Amino acid sequence: MFGFGTQELLIILLIALFIFGGKKLPEIGAGLGKGLKAFKQGLKETEVEDKDAAKPEIEKDSTSTEKGKA
């Protein structure tokens, strides 16, 4: 993961704890998690829209539905 080892990640976590405090870190983590989730969901929706746009739509013949009507 980007060349970070366990010690480096622990040091980064301790620095973040020192800067933001223990009460603020869960809020920051929750906000980042929600943001990532929304970003991934947006990417999936875009992929679905792209796939739907690539499919040619088959036009239904209006005369076939009105056969019995005169």
C-alpha atoms as a PDB file:
ATOM      1  CA  MET A   1       0.000   0.000   0.000  1.00  0.00           C
ATOM      2  CA  PHE A   2       2.052   2.928  -1.308  1.00  0.00           C
ATOM      3  CA  GLY A   3       5.164   1.493   0.328  1.00  0.00           C
ATOM      4  CA  PHE A   4       3.986   2.291   3.871  1.00  0.00           C
ATOM      5  CA  GLY A   5       4.839  -0.239   6.538  1.00  0.00           C
ATOM      6  CA  THR A   6       3.176  -0.822   9.863  1.00  0.00           C
ATOM      7  CA  GLN A   7       5.472   1.590  11.678  1.00  0.00           C
ATOM      8  CA  GLU A   8       4.848   4.405   9.208  1.00  0.00           C
ATOM      9  CA  LEU A   9       1.078   3.983   9.415  1.00  0.00           C
ATOM     10  CA  LEU A  10       1.251   3.958  13.217  1.00  0.00           C
ATOM     11  CA  ILE A  11       3.267   7.188  13.228  1.00  0.00           C
ATOM     12  CA  ILE A  12       0.791   8.842  10.833  1.00  0.00           C
ATOM     13  CA  LEU A  13      -2.107   7.726  13.041  1.00  0.00           C
ATOM     14  CA  LEU A  14      -0.418   9.110  16.160  1.00  0.00           C
ATOM     15  CA  ILE A  15       0.251  12.448  14.451  1.00  0.00           C
ATOM     16  CA  ALA A  16      -3.392  12.636  13.317  1.00  0.00           C
ATOM     17  CA  LEU A  17      -4.506  11.796  16.859  1.00  0.00           C
ATOM     18  CA  PHE A  18      -2.275  14.541  18.235  1.00  0.00           C
ATOM     19  CA  ILE A  19      -3.476  17.144  15.721  1.00  0.00           C
ATOM     20  CA  PHE A  20      -7.219  16.416  15.695  1.00  0.00           C
ATOM     21  CA  GLY A  21      -7.765  14.846  19.102  1.00  0.00           C
ATOM     22  CA  GLY A  22      -9.522  11.652  20.069  1.00  0.00           C
ATOM     23  CA  LYS A  23     -13.049  13.010  19.759  1.00  0.00           C
ATOM     24  CA  LYS A  24     -12.663  14.403  16.260  1.00  0.00           C
ATOM     25  CA  LEU A  25     -11.006  11.364  14.583  1.00  0.00           C
ATOM     26  CA  PRO A  26     -14.157   9.165  14.473  1.00  0.00           C
ATOM     27  CA  GLU A  27     -16.087  12.033  12.895  1.00  0.00           C
ATOM     28  CA  ILE A  28     -13.368  12.527  10.284  1.00  0.00           C
ATOM     29  CA  GLY A  29     -13.256   8.784   9.566  1.00  0.00           C
ATOM     30  CA  ALA A  30     -17.026   8.582   9.209  1.00  0.00           C
ATOM     31  CA  GLY A  31     -17.044  11.560   6.859  1.00  0.00           C
ATOM     32  CA  LEU A  32     -14.300  10.072   4.705  1.00  0.00           C
ATOM     33  CA  GLY A  33     -16.101   6.723   4.617  1.00  0.00           C
ATOM     34  CA  LYS A  34     -19.383   8.302   3.526  1.00  0.00           C
ATOM     35  CA  GLY A  35     -17.578  10.344   0.903  1.00  0.00           C
ATOM     36  CA  LEU A  36     -15.838   7.281  -0.527  1.00  0.00           C
ATOM     37  CA  LYS A  37     -19.100   5.337  -0.553  1.00  0.00           C
ATOM     38  CA  ALA A  38     -20.885   8.130  -2.427  1.00  0.00           C
ATOM     39  CA  PHE A  39     -17.991   8.411  -4.887  1.00  0.00           C
ATOM     40  CA  LYS A  40     -18.041   4.674  -5.645  1.00  0.00           C
ATOM     41  CA  GLN A  41     -21.825   4.722  -6.023  1.00  0.00           C
ATOM     42  CA  GLY A  42     -21.531   7.621  -8.457  1.00  0.00           C
ATOM     43  CA  LEU A  43     -18.989   5.700 -10.510  1.00  0.00           C
ATOM     44  CA  LYS A  44     -21.276   2.664 -10.670  1.00  0.00           C
ATOM     45  CA  GLU A  45     -24.244   4.810 -11.753  1.00  0.00           C
ATOM     46  CA  THR A  46     -22.143   6.380 -14.492  1.00  0.00           C
ATOM     47  CA  GLU A  47     -21.086   2.942 -15.747  1.00  0.00           C
ATOM     48  CA  VAL A  48     -24.719   1.789 -15.863  1.00  0.00           C
ATOM     49  CA  GLU A  49     -25.746   4.933 -17.750  1.00  0.00           C
ATOM     50  CA  ASP A  50     -22.895   4.430 -20.213  1.00  0.00           C
ATOM     51  CA  LYS A  51     -23.929   0.815 -20.821  1.00  0.00           C
ATOM     52  CA  ASP A  52     -27.568   1.829 -21.302  1.00  0.00           C
ATOM     53  CA  ALA A  53     -26.564   4.558 -23.743  1.00  0.00           C
ATOM     54  CA  ALA A  54     -24.499   2.081 -25.759  1.00  0.00           C
ATOM     55  CA  LYS A  55     -27.453  -0.289 -26.259  1.00  0.00           C
ATOM     56  CA  PRO A  56     -29.529   0.528 -29.344  1.00  0.00           C
ATOM     57  CA  GLU A  57     -33.179   0.959 -28.513  1.00  0.00           C
ATOM     58  CA  ILE A  58     -35.602  -1.161 -30.512  1.00  0.00           C
ATOM     59  CA  GLU A  59     -38.554   0.880 -31.663  1.00  0.00           C
ATOM     60  CA  LYS A  60     -41.872  -0.892 -31.415  1.00  0.00           C
ATOM     61  CA  ASP A  61     -44.089  -0.818 -34.458  1.00  0.00           C
ATOM     62  CA  SER A  62     -47.289   1.011 -33.529  1.00  0.00           C
ATOM     63  CA  THR A  63     -49.327  -0.921 -36.130  1.00  0.00           C
ATOM     64  CA  SER A  64     -48.676  -4.242 -34.405  1.00  0.00           C
ATOM     65  CA  THR A  65     -50.413  -3.045 -31.224  1.00  0.00           C
ATOM     66  CA  GLU A  66     -53.414  -1.666 -33.113  1.00  0.00           C
ATOM     67  CA  LYS A  67     -54.246  -4.740 -35.235  1.00  0.00           C
ATOM     68  CA  GLY A  68     -57.700  -5.286 -33.774  1.00  0.00           C
ATOM     69  CA  LYS A  69     -58.606  -1.623 -33.705  1.00  0.00           C
ATOM     70  CA  ALA A  70     -60.055   0.150 -36.713  1.00  0.00           C
END
